[in-house]
C-alpha atoms as a PDB file:
ATOM      1  CA  MET A   1      -8.093 -24.724  -2.213  1.00  0.00           C
ATOM      2  CA  SER A   2      -8.725 -21.025  -3.790  1.00  0.00           C
ATOM      3  CA  ASP A   3      -6.593 -18.339  -3.115  1.00  0.00           C
ATOM      4  CA  LYS A   4      -6.453 -15.566  -0.498  1.00  0.00           C
ATOM      5  CA  ILE A   5      -6.794 -12.139  -1.038  1.00  0.00           C
ATOM      6  CA  LYS A   6      -4.199 -10.008   0.929  1.00  0.00           C
ATOM      7  CA  TYR A   7      -5.987  -7.253   3.299  1.00  0.00           C
ATOM      8  CA  GLU A   8      -4.688  -4.044   5.326  1.00  0.00           C
ATOM      9  CA  MET A   9      -6.930  -2.541   8.263  1.00  0.00           C
ATOM     10  CA  GLU A  10      -5.682   1.025  10.255  1.00  0.00           C
ATOM     11  CA  PHE A  11      -7.028   1.231  14.106  1.00  0.00           C
ATOM     12  CA  PRO A  12      -5.423   4.506  15.997  1.00  0.00           C
ATOM     13  CA  ILE A  13      -4.820   3.653  19.470  1.00  0.00           C
ATOM     14  CA  HIS A  14      -3.428   5.782  22.546  1.00  0.00           C
ATOM     15  CA  ALA A  15      -0.905   3.858  23.527  1.00  0.00           C
ATOM     16  CA  SER A  16       3.159   3.829  24.149  1.00  0.00           C
ATOM     17  CA  PRO A  17       4.198   2.072  20.831  1.00  0.00           C
ATOM     18  CA  SER A  18       6.717  -0.037  23.388  1.00  0.00           C
ATOM     19  CA  LEU A  19       3.915  -0.801  25.303  1.00  0.00           C
ATOM     20  CA  LEU A  20       1.589  -2.037  22.481  1.00  0.00           C
ATOM     21  CA  PHE A  21       4.891  -3.788  21.111  1.00  0.00           C
ATOM     22  CA  GLN A  22       4.493  -6.180  24.209  1.00  0.00           C
ATOM     23  CA  TYR A  23       0.839  -7.029  23.757  1.00  0.00           C
ATOM     24  CA  ILE A  24       1.358  -7.839  20.222  1.00  0.00           C
ATOM     25  CA  SER A  25       4.383  -9.198  20.648  1.00  0.00           C
ATOM     26  CA  THR A  26       4.645 -11.802  23.716  1.00  0.00           C
ATOM     27  CA  PRO A  27       2.491 -14.744  24.763  1.00  0.00           C
ATOM     28  CA  SER A  28       1.671 -13.248  27.298  1.00  0.00           C
ATOM     29  CA  GLY A  29       0.315 -10.128  26.205  1.00  0.00           C
ATOM     30  CA  MET A  30      -1.416 -11.692  22.862  1.00  0.00           C
ATOM     31  CA  GLN A  31      -3.516 -13.910  25.504  1.00  0.00           C
ATOM     32  CA  GLU A  32      -4.793 -10.726  27.103  1.00  0.00           C
ATOM     33  CA  TRP A  33      -6.485 -10.039  24.178  1.00  0.00           C
ATOM     34  CA  TYR A  34      -5.815 -11.722  20.911  1.00  0.00           C
ATOM     35  CA  ALA A  35      -6.605 -15.894  22.177  1.00  0.00           C
ATOM     36  CA  ASP A  36      -8.051 -17.039  25.225  1.00  0.00           C
ATOM     37  CA  ASN A  37      -4.367 -18.441  25.591  1.00  0.00           C
ATOM     38  CA  VAL A  38      -0.604 -18.481  23.803  1.00  0.00           C
ATOM     39  CA  ASN A  39       2.202 -20.549  24.612  1.00  0.00           C
ATOM     40  CA  SER A  40       5.380 -20.045  22.506  1.00  0.00           C
ATOM     41  CA  ARG A  41       7.981 -22.818  21.981  1.00  0.00           C
ATOM     42  CA  GLY A  42      10.951 -21.148  20.158  1.00  0.00           C
ATOM     43  CA  GLU A  43       9.471 -19.644  16.529  1.00  0.00           C
ATOM     44  CA  PHE A  44       6.790 -21.395  17.083  1.00  0.00           C
ATOM     45  CA  PHE A  45       3.230 -19.974  18.657  1.00  0.00           C
ATOM     46  CA  THR A  46       0.410 -22.194  19.929  1.00  0.00           C
ATOM     47  CA  PHE A  47      -2.824 -19.849  19.914  1.00  0.00           C
ATOM     48  CA  ILE A  48      -6.298 -21.536  22.049  1.00  0.00           C
ATOM     49  CA  TRP A  49      -9.569 -20.471  21.678  1.00  0.00           C
ATOM     50  CA  GLU A  50     -12.309 -22.206  23.416  1.00  0.00           C
ATOM     51  CA  GLY A  51     -10.824 -25.546  23.049  1.00  0.00           C
ATOM     52  CA  SER A  52      -9.540 -24.733  19.665  1.00  0.00           C
ATOM     53  CA  GLU A  53      -5.757 -24.666  18.704  1.00  0.00           C
ATOM     54  CA  GLU A  54      -3.661 -23.289  15.720  1.00  0.00           C
ATOM     55  CA  LYS A  55       0.042 -22.787  15.364  1.00  0.00           C
ATOM     56  CA  ALA A  56       1.826 -20.355  13.766  1.00  0.00           C
ATOM     57  CA  LYS A  57       6.035 -19.533  12.861  1.00  0.00           C
ATOM     58  CA  LEU A  58       7.384 -16.523  13.971  1.00  0.00           C
ATOM     59  CA  VAL A  59       8.159 -15.238  10.819  1.00  0.00           C
ATOM     60  CA  SER A  60      10.037 -11.595  11.913  1.00  0.00           C
ATOM     61  CA  LYS A  61      10.082  -9.629  14.559  1.00  0.00           C
ATOM     62  CA  ASN A  62      11.124  -5.848  14.508  1.00  0.00           C
ATOM     63  CA  LYS A  63      12.096  -4.925  18.010  1.00  0.00           C
ATOM     64  CA  GLY A  64       8.962  -1.908  18.800  1.00  0.00           C
ATOM     65  CA  GLN A  65       7.701  -2.177  15.455  1.00  0.00           C
ATOM     66  CA  SER A  66       6.300  -5.125  13.844  1.00  0.00           C
ATOM     67  CA  ILE A  67       5.735  -8.452  14.350  1.00  0.00           C
ATOM     68  CA  ARG A  68       5.092 -11.072  11.550  1.00  0.00           C
ATOM     69  CA  PHE A  69       3.448 -14.664  11.545  1.00  0.00           C
ATOM     70  CA  GLN A  70       2.599 -17.340   9.365  1.00  0.00           C
ATOM     71  CA  TRP A  71       0.105 -20.660  10.404  1.00  0.00           C
ATOM     72  CA  VAL A  72       1.702 -23.418  10.405  1.00  0.00           C
ATOM     73  CA  ASP A  73      -1.639 -24.595   7.966  1.00  0.00           C
ATOM     74  CA  ASP A  74      -0.109 -21.642   5.225  1.00  0.00           C
ATOM     75  CA  GLU A  75       3.471 -23.596   5.196  1.00  0.00           C
ATOM     76  CA  ASP A  76       5.092 -23.245   1.494  1.00  0.00           C
ATOM     77  CA  THR A  77       2.648 -20.590   0.807  1.00  0.00           C
ATOM     78  CA  ASP A  78       3.130 -16.556   0.823  1.00  0.00           C
ATOM     79  CA  TYR A  79       0.248 -15.853   2.946  1.00  0.00           C
ATOM     80  CA  TYR A  80       0.804 -14.220   6.752  1.00  0.00           C
ATOM     81  CA  PHE A  81      -0.990 -12.181   9.263  1.00  0.00           C
ATOM     82  CA  GLU A  82       0.846  -9.293  10.462  1.00  0.00           C
ATOM     83  CA  MET A  83       0.820  -6.510  13.047  1.00  0.00           C
ATOM     84  CA  ARG A  84       2.605  -3.359  12.930  1.00  0.00           C
ATOM     85  CA  ILE A  85       2.714  -0.386  14.719  1.00  0.00           C
ATOM     86  CA  GLN A  86       2.777   3.092  12.892  1.00  0.00           C
ATOM     87  CA  VAL A  87       3.450   6.530  14.351  1.00  0.00           C
ATOM     88  CA  ASP A  88       2.958   9.358  12.467  1.00  0.00           C
ATOM     89  CA  ALA A  89       5.901  11.868  12.214  1.00  0.00           C
ATOM     90  CA  ILE A  90       4.473  15.126  12.885  1.00  0.00           C
ATOM     91  CA  THR A  91       1.104  14.196  15.178  1.00  0.00           C
ATOM     92  CA  LYS A  92       3.004  11.417  16.802  1.00  0.00           C
ATOM     93  CA  ASP A  93      -0.459   9.452  16.644  1.00  0.00           C
ATOM     94  CA  VAL A  94      -0.049   5.744  16.833  1.00  0.00           C
ATOM     95  CA  SER A  95      -1.734   3.390  14.701  1.00  0.00           C
ATOM     96  CA  ILE A  96      -1.677  -0.487  14.706  1.00  0.00           C
ATOM     97  CA  MET A  97      -1.676  -1.872  11.288  1.00  0.00           C
ATOM     98  CA  VAL A  98      -2.880  -5.491  10.754  1.00  0.00           C
ATOM     99  CA  THR A  99      -1.995  -6.729   7.279  1.00  0.00           C
ATOM    100  CA  ASP A 100      -4.126 -10.488   6.803  1.00  0.00           C
ATOM    101  CA  PHE A 101      -5.346 -12.801   3.875  1.00  0.00           C
ATOM    102  CA  ALA A 102      -8.285 -14.229   3.440  1.00  0.00           C
ATOM    103  CA  GLU A 103     -10.611 -15.837   0.995  1.00  0.00           C
ATOM    104  CA  ASP A 104     -12.663 -13.589  -1.102  1.00  0.00           C
ATOM    105  CA  ASP A 105     -15.916 -14.712   1.209  1.00  0.00           C
ATOM    106  CA  GLU A 106     -14.597 -14.364   4.306  1.00  0.00           C
ATOM    107  CA  ILE A 107     -12.832 -11.721   4.395  1.00  0.00           C
ATOM    108  CA  GLU A 108     -15.649  -9.340   5.766  1.00  0.00           C
ATOM    109  CA  GLU A 109     -15.415 -11.938   8.593  1.00  0.00           C
ATOM    110  CA  GLY A 110     -11.459 -11.422   8.603  1.00  0.00           C
ATOM    111  CA  LYS A 111     -11.809  -7.728   9.215  1.00  0.00           C
ATOM    112  CA  MET A 112     -14.880  -8.128  11.833  1.00  0.00           C
ATOM    113  CA  LEU A 113     -12.800 -10.855  13.700  1.00  0.00           C
ATOM    114  CA  TRP A 114      -9.987  -7.784  13.783  1.00  0.00           C
ATOM    115  CA  GLU A 115     -12.227  -5.013  14.491  1.00  0.00           C
ATOM    116  CA  ASN A 116     -13.637  -6.794  17.829  1.00  0.00           C
ATOM    117  CA  MET A 117      -9.680  -8.305  18.999  1.00  0.00           C
ATOM    118  CA  ILE A 118      -8.005  -4.591  18.433  1.00  0.00           C
ATOM    119  CA  SER A 119     -11.156  -2.931  20.417  1.00  0.00           C
ATOM    120  CA  GLU A 120     -10.518  -5.637  23.271  1.00  0.00           C
ATOM    121  CA  LEU A 121      -6.623  -4.604  22.955  1.00  0.00           C
ATOM    122  CA  LYS A 122      -7.669  -1.048  23.375  1.00  0.00           C
ATOM    123  CA  GLN A 123      -9.877  -1.451  25.920  1.00  0.00           C
ATOM    124  CA  LEU A 124      -7.102  -2.888  28.130  1.00  0.00           C
ATOM    125  CA  LEU A 125      -4.517  -0.109  26.738  1.00  0.00           C
ATOM    126  CA  GLY A 126      -7.705   2.573  28.457  1.00  0.00           C
ATOM    127  CA  SER A 127      -7.438   3.584  24.533  1.00  0.00           C
ATOM    128  CA  VAL A 128     -11.640   3.313  24.483  1.00  0.00           C
END
């Protein structure tokens, strides 16, 4: 297994941080844009896409600010994916910061995937 590389992306989004947090931290919110179906049992979330299923552990949750998951397959590694809400102190512009890890040859694909998912989230929020 080759090492994964950390990458970060920033997406400006016109929505209130509290509403945005609902969409990135709850199963019902996440299944609106992130996966076809999302279930949670305790700290474990199951994400379902077109019949394939991935389990992730909720590593940390900062109310109204950020959420971090680790795929069960990545257990015992430092890999995770995180969505963080950032509000500019001066302009009050809201952005969603995504941190994820991918193997070198999969970073572009990973970024495109996030771009597609976040644009779906923006449409949901009427923030296009």
